[in-house]
Protein backbone atom coordinates (compact mmCIF):
# COMPACT_ATOMS: atom_id res chain seq x y z
CA MET A 1 -82.81 54.55 -23.97
CA PHE A 2 -85.64 52.02 -23.57
CA GLN A 3 -88.10 54.87 -24.06
CA ALA A 4 -86.26 56.00 -27.21
CA LEU A 5 -86.23 52.46 -28.56
CA SER A 6 -89.92 52.00 -27.87
CA SER A 7 -90.70 55.20 -29.76
CA VAL A 8 -88.85 53.73 -32.77
CA LEU A 9 -90.15 50.16 -32.47
CA LEU A 10 -93.79 50.99 -31.78
CA PRO A 11 -94.42 52.56 -35.23
CA VAL A 12 -92.62 49.59 -36.85
CA ILE A 13 -94.83 47.09 -35.03
CA LEU A 14 -97.98 49.16 -35.65
CA VAL A 15 -97.53 49.46 -39.42
CA ALA A 16 -96.47 45.83 -39.87
CA GLY A 17 -99.33 44.71 -37.62
CA LEU A 18 -101.90 46.59 -39.68
CA GLY A 19 -100.50 44.94 -42.81
CA ALA A 20 -100.79 41.52 -41.15
CA LEU A 21 -104.39 42.23 -40.15
CA LEU A 22 -105.30 43.36 -43.66
CA SER A 23 -103.65 40.34 -45.29
CA SER A 24 -105.36 37.91 -42.91
CA ARG A 25 -108.78 39.23 -43.98
CA PHE A 26 -108.37 40.01 -47.68
CA PRO A 27 -106.42 38.40 -50.54
CA ILE A 28 -103.61 40.79 -51.54
CA ASP A 29 -101.08 40.40 -54.37
CA GLN A 30 -97.87 40.51 -52.33
CA ALA A 31 -95.60 40.16 -55.37
CA THR A 32 -96.94 43.45 -56.75
CA VAL A 33 -96.39 45.24 -53.43
CA SER A 34 -92.84 43.88 -53.24
CA ARG A 35 -92.00 44.93 -56.77
CA LEU A 36 -93.40 48.43 -56.28
CA THR A 37 -91.01 48.79 -53.36
CA LEU A 38 -88.04 47.09 -54.99
CA TYR A 39 -88.23 48.74 -58.41
CA LEU A 40 -89.72 52.17 -57.70
CA LEU A 41 -89.78 53.34 -54.08
CA SER A 42 -86.38 52.07 -52.86
CA PRO A 43 -84.46 53.63 -55.79
CA ALA A 44 -86.20 56.94 -55.06
CA LEU A 45 -85.11 56.72 -51.41
CA VAL A 46 -81.50 56.05 -52.43
CA LEU A 47 -81.46 58.97 -54.86
CA ASN A 48 -83.11 61.32 -52.37
CA VAL A 49 -80.61 60.49 -49.61
CA LEU A 50 -77.64 60.85 -51.96
CA LEU A 51 -78.77 64.24 -53.23
CA LYS A 52 -79.66 65.74 -49.85
CA THR A 53 -77.18 64.35 -47.33
CA PRO A 54 -73.79 66.04 -46.80
CA VAL A 55 -71.21 63.24 -46.99
CA LYS A 56 -67.44 63.68 -46.80
CA ALA A 57 -65.77 61.46 -49.39
CA ALA A 58 -62.86 60.13 -47.29
CA GLU A 59 -65.02 59.32 -44.28
CA ALA A 60 -67.70 57.80 -46.49
CA LEU A 61 -65.20 55.47 -48.15
CA THR A 62 -63.74 54.33 -44.82
CA LEU A 63 -67.10 53.75 -43.15
CA GLY A 64 -68.62 52.23 -46.28
CA GLY A 65 -65.70 49.82 -46.63
CA ALA A 66 -66.00 48.81 -42.96
CA TYR A 67 -69.72 48.25 -43.43
CA LEU A 68 -69.27 46.02 -46.48
CA ILE A 69 -66.61 43.90 -44.76
CA THR A 70 -68.87 43.51 -41.73
CA MET A 71 -71.77 42.60 -43.99
CA LEU A 72 -69.78 39.89 -45.79
CA LEU A 73 -68.68 38.36 -42.49
CA CYS A 74 -72.27 38.43 -41.19
CA LEU A 75 -73.44 36.73 -44.39
CA GLY A 76 -70.90 34.00 -43.64
CA LEU A 77 -72.17 33.71 -40.07
CA GLY A 78 -75.72 33.33 -41.37
CA TRP A 79 -74.53 30.69 -43.81
CA LEU A 80 -73.22 28.70 -40.84
CA CYS A 81 -76.60 29.05 -39.12
CA GLY A 82 -78.20 27.34 -42.11
CA LEU A 83 -75.76 24.43 -42.38
CA GLY A 84 -77.45 21.20 -43.38
CA LEU A 85 -80.46 22.87 -45.02
CA PRO A 86 -81.29 22.89 -48.76
CA GLY A 87 -79.43 25.51 -50.79
CA LEU A 88 -82.04 28.29 -50.95
CA SER A 89 -82.99 27.89 -47.29
CA GLN A 90 -79.34 28.17 -46.26
CA ARG A 91 -78.98 31.26 -48.43
CA SER A 92 -82.04 32.74 -46.73
CA TYR A 93 -80.39 32.32 -43.32
CA SER A 94 -77.30 34.01 -44.76
CA ALA A 95 -79.38 36.98 -45.97
CA GLY A 96 -81.35 37.10 -42.72
CA VAL A 97 -78.18 37.56 -40.67
CA GLY A 98 -76.17 39.56 -43.20
CA ILE A 99 -78.69 42.24 -44.26
CA TRP A 100 -79.83 44.48 -41.43
CA ASN A 101 -82.02 47.52 -40.86
CA SER A 102 -79.74 50.55 -41.19
CA GLY A 103 -82.58 52.85 -42.22
CA ASN A 104 -85.83 53.28 -40.33
CA MET A 105 -84.29 51.90 -37.12
CA GLY A 106 -80.57 52.57 -37.51
CA LEU A 107 -80.90 56.28 -38.33
CA PRO A 108 -83.16 57.46 -35.47
CA ILE A 109 -81.38 55.32 -32.86
CA ALA A 110 -78.00 56.76 -33.95
CA LEU A 111 -79.50 60.23 -33.56
CA PHE A 112 -80.82 59.42 -30.07
CA ALA A 113 -77.53 57.87 -28.98
CA PHE A 114 -74.90 60.20 -30.51
CA GLY A 115 -76.69 63.32 -31.73
CA GLN A 116 -76.20 64.94 -35.13
CA ALA A 117 -72.64 63.62 -35.56
CA GLY A 118 -73.90 60.08 -35.08
CA PHE A 119 -76.82 60.64 -37.45
CA GLU A 120 -74.54 61.88 -40.26
CA ARG A 121 -72.28 58.85 -39.92
CA ALA A 122 -75.28 56.53 -39.76
CA THR A 123 -76.50 58.07 -43.02
CA VAL A 124 -73.22 57.05 -44.67
CA LEU A 125 -73.77 53.49 -43.45
CA PHE A 126 -77.36 53.64 -44.68
CA LEU A 127 -76.12 54.46 -48.18
CA ALA A 128 -73.55 51.66 -47.98
CA SER A 129 -76.30 49.30 -46.86
CA PHE A 130 -78.34 50.02 -49.98
CA VAL A 131 -75.39 49.38 -52.25
CA GLY A 132 -74.56 46.20 -50.34
CA MET A 133 -78.16 45.03 -50.14
CA TYR A 134 -78.90 45.38 -53.83
CA ALA A 135 -75.50 44.18 -55.04
CA VAL A 136 -74.69 41.40 -52.57
CA GLY A 137 -78.27 40.35 -51.75
CA PRO A 138 -79.19 39.16 -55.27
CA ALA A 139 -75.78 37.50 -55.58
CA VAL A 140 -76.50 35.42 -52.46
CA TYR A 141 -79.53 33.90 -54.19
CA SER A 142 -78.10 33.72 -57.73
CA LEU A 143 -74.44 32.66 -57.60
CA GLY A 144 -73.85 28.95 -57.29
CA ARG A 145 -77.41 27.92 -58.15
CA THR A 146 -77.79 25.11 -60.65
CA GLY A 147 -77.97 26.48 -64.18
CA VAL A 148 -77.13 30.06 -63.16
CA HIS A 149 -74.04 31.46 -64.89
CA PRO A 150 -72.05 34.24 -63.14
CA LEU A 151 -72.89 36.58 -66.02
CA ASP A 152 -76.59 35.89 -65.50
CA ALA A 153 -76.16 36.68 -61.80
CA ALA A 154 -74.42 39.95 -62.72
CA ARG A 155 -77.30 40.84 -65.04
CA ASP A 156 -79.75 40.13 -62.21
CA ILE A 157 -77.91 42.65 -60.04
CA LEU A 158 -77.66 45.30 -62.74
CA ARG A 159 -81.38 45.13 -63.54
CA LEU A 160 -82.21 46.46 -60.06
CA PRO A 161 -82.93 50.22 -60.32
CA ALA A 162 -81.42 50.94 -56.88
CA ILE A 163 -77.96 50.28 -58.33
CA TRP A 164 -78.52 52.79 -61.12
CA ALA A 165 -80.08 55.28 -58.72
CA THR A 166 -76.85 55.09 -56.71
CA VAL A 167 -74.75 55.70 -59.82
CA LEU A 168 -76.98 58.61 -60.85
CA GLY A 169 -76.95 60.19 -57.39
CA LEU A 170 -73.17 59.93 -57.04
CA SER A 171 -72.66 61.33 -60.56
CA LEU A 172 -74.90 64.32 -59.87
CA ARG A 173 -73.07 65.01 -56.60
CA LEU A 174 -69.62 64.78 -58.22
CA LEU A 175 -70.66 67.02 -61.12
CA HIS A 176 -72.44 69.47 -58.77
CA VAL A 177 -75.61 69.20 -60.86
CA THR A 178 -78.88 70.21 -59.20
CA LEU A 179 -82.14 68.69 -60.43
CA PRO A 180 -85.15 70.97 -61.03
CA GLU A 181 -87.17 71.63 -57.88
CA GLY A 182 -90.26 69.86 -59.19
CA LEU A 183 -88.29 66.71 -59.98
CA LEU A 184 -86.61 66.76 -56.57
CA ARG A 185 -89.99 67.01 -54.86
CA GLY A 186 -91.28 64.06 -56.88
CA VAL A 187 -88.30 61.94 -55.85
CA GLU A 188 -88.73 62.99 -52.23
CA LEU A 189 -92.44 62.15 -52.30
CA LEU A 190 -91.71 58.64 -53.56
CA SER A 191 -88.92 58.17 -51.02
CA GLN A 192 -91.26 59.06 -48.14
CA ALA A 193 -93.52 56.16 -49.13
CA THR A 194 -90.69 53.60 -49.02
CA LEU A 195 -90.39 52.77 -45.33
CA PRO A 196 -94.15 52.43 -44.67
CA MET A 197 -94.52 50.22 -47.75
CA VAL A 198 -91.59 48.02 -46.68
CA LEU A 199 -93.15 47.49 -43.25
CA LEU A 200 -96.56 46.81 -44.80
CA ALA A 201 -94.92 44.18 -47.03
CA LEU A 202 -93.60 42.39 -43.93
CA GLY A 203 -97.02 42.54 -42.28
CA LEU A 204 -98.79 41.33 -45.43
CA HIS A 205 -96.52 38.30 -45.60
CA LEU A 206 -96.91 37.45 -41.92
CA GLY A 207 -100.69 37.83 -42.10
CA ALA A 208 -100.94 35.51 -45.09
CA ALA A 209 -98.45 32.96 -43.74
CA GLY A 210 -99.80 32.88 -40.18
CA ARG A 211 -97.76 32.70 -37.00
CA PRO A 212 -94.07 32.11 -37.84
CA ARG A 213 -92.43 28.97 -36.51
CA LEU A 214 -89.88 29.63 -33.77
CA ASP A 215 -87.47 26.71 -33.89
CA ALA A 216 -83.96 26.60 -32.44
CA ARG A 217 -82.36 27.57 -35.75
CA LEU A 218 -84.40 30.77 -35.98
CA TRP A 219 -83.40 31.75 -32.44
CA LEU A 220 -79.78 31.03 -33.39
CA ALA A 221 -80.01 33.20 -36.50
CA SER A 222 -81.61 36.05 -34.54
CA ALA A 223 -78.84 35.82 -31.94
CA ALA A 224 -76.25 35.83 -34.73
CA ARG A 225 -77.84 39.01 -36.11
CA LEU A 226 -78.25 40.89 -32.84
CA ILE A 227 -75.17 39.70 -30.91
CA GLY A 228 -72.81 38.35 -33.55
CA GLY A 229 -73.28 41.43 -35.76
CA PRO A 230 -71.98 44.03 -33.28
CA ILE A 231 -69.12 41.75 -32.21
CA ILE A 232 -68.02 41.37 -35.84
CA ALA A 233 -68.34 45.14 -36.35
CA LEU A 234 -66.15 45.78 -33.29
CA LEU A 235 -63.45 43.46 -34.63
CA VAL A 236 -63.62 44.96 -38.14
CA GLY A 237 -63.55 48.51 -36.78
CA ARG A 238 -60.53 47.80 -34.58
CA THR A 239 -58.74 46.14 -37.49
CA LEU A 240 -59.37 49.19 -39.70
CA HIS A 241 -58.33 51.54 -36.85
CA LEU A 242 -61.72 53.20 -36.53
CA ASN A 243 -62.33 55.01 -33.28
CA GLY A 244 -64.74 57.34 -31.52
CA ALA A 245 -68.00 58.08 -33.28
CA ASN A 246 -67.08 56.14 -36.44
CA LEU A 247 -66.51 52.92 -34.52
CA ALA A 248 -69.53 53.47 -32.27
CA VAL A 249 -71.93 54.04 -35.15
CA LEU A 250 -70.58 51.03 -37.08
CA ILE A 251 -71.19 48.77 -34.06
CA LEU A 252 -74.60 50.30 -33.44
CA SER A 253 -75.61 49.81 -37.07
CA ALA A 254 -74.55 46.14 -36.99
CA SER A 255 -76.71 45.56 -33.91
CA MET A 256 -79.92 46.33 -35.82
CA PRO A 257 -82.45 43.57 -36.65
CA THR A 258 -82.87 42.00 -40.06
CA ALA A 259 -84.00 44.37 -42.81
CA VAL A 260 -87.42 43.74 -44.34
CA ASN A 261 -85.83 44.43 -47.74
CA ALA A 262 -84.02 41.11 -47.32
CA MET A 263 -87.46 39.49 -47.49
CA LEU A 264 -88.39 41.47 -50.62
CA ILE A 265 -85.21 40.31 -52.37
CA ALA A 266 -85.91 36.72 -51.28
CA ARG A 267 -89.40 36.95 -52.78
CA GLU A 268 -88.06 38.35 -56.05
CA TYR A 269 -85.60 35.45 -56.36
CA ASN A 270 -88.06 32.75 -55.27
CA ALA A 271 -86.10 31.93 -52.14
CA ASP A 272 -87.30 30.88 -48.67
CA VAL A 273 -89.34 33.99 -47.87
CA ASP A 274 -90.87 32.47 -44.71
CA THR A 275 -87.45 32.05 -43.10
CA VAL A 276 -86.29 35.60 -43.83
CA ALA A 277 -89.62 37.05 -42.64
CA ALA A 278 -89.45 35.01 -39.42
CA ILE A 279 -85.89 36.16 -38.67
CA ALA A 280 -86.89 39.77 -39.39
CA THR A 281 -89.87 39.54 -37.04
CA LEU A 282 -88.10 37.75 -34.18
CA SER A 283 -84.95 39.88 -34.36
CA THR A 284 -87.01 43.10 -34.41
CA LEU A 285 -88.90 42.09 -31.26
CA LEU A 286 -85.72 41.00 -29.44
CA SER A 287 -83.77 44.08 -30.51
CA VAL A 288 -85.48 46.34 -27.97
CA VAL A 289 -83.36 44.61 -25.31
CA THR A 290 -80.17 43.87 -27.22
CA ILE A 291 -79.80 47.36 -28.74
CA ALA A 292 -80.22 48.93 -25.30
CA VAL A 293 -77.39 46.71 -24.01
CA VAL A 294 -75.17 47.59 -26.99
CA VAL A 295 -75.78 51.33 -26.54
CA THR A 296 -74.95 51.06 -22.84
CA LEU A 297 -71.63 49.32 -23.62
CA LEU A 298 -70.58 51.59 -26.51
CA PRO A 299 -68.98 54.38 -24.42
CA VAL A 300 -66.77 51.77 -22.73
CA LEU A 301 -65.88 49.99 -25.97
CA THR A 302 -65.26 53.07 -28.14
CA GLY A 303 -64.68 56.03 -25.78
CA GLN A 304 -67.53 57.88 -27.52
CA PRO A 305 -69.89 59.45 -24.93
CA LEU A 306 -73.63 59.18 -25.44
CA HIS A 307 -75.59 62.23 -26.53
CA PRO A 308 -76.98 63.99 -23.44
């Protein structure tokens, strides 16, 4: 399992590291990079996954609901980690703990741990994570801020193309409409650029900001993400009577480090980007140990055997 994790983490560290090196040597407009990812590449990834992944409706609703409940509880845990800090900084701790990496880490690790059955269920959670990230994430930074009306916060959410890409993808699936091959290939091409660009965005920020501070609160938030997340997922899964592969994949997903997209959303809403980036970096480095522990415990906790 350590070998499998290293094969997933090494590309993540390599791409982000190259972005950090580039940003430390040349001035780069990070806002433009973030917006390219947020408004163009991420929606293409959502649409591509929705159109190409076989998802059973009943199972998707159950797993998606469990994911969203777990996410909300993790957002609350992150909020507690930021107690006593100014509003936007506390919200950044909430996002750092509550928005995790279900995609470029969660999917391959689920495949390594539980085979194709695990991968298909992890894909459902990946879709739920996009809906949650782009619906709940902006709300974390918008609702409750001075001068921000709830309707304005709702408009902020609805202006994100990922939400509309989700609606479009679901509508096409329900209506059994197939897009022309050329259009599908264009969407797929854009989607393939998403994960590298997201990791480059993290590296660009770290390179420009320098070495992140590692104070006690950041260690606490990283522990809340990597240890508190799977514990919350276990409790939510048991409460909703999930078992076997469904419960195992939910717990595994919630043990992933902070998603870099949380940093992109923080940048778009002028929040504490440094804090989210630091939690994402620290939790990613620590996750090579914590995920291995979680995977080792999953057969005992869920009765789901690991993939041979």
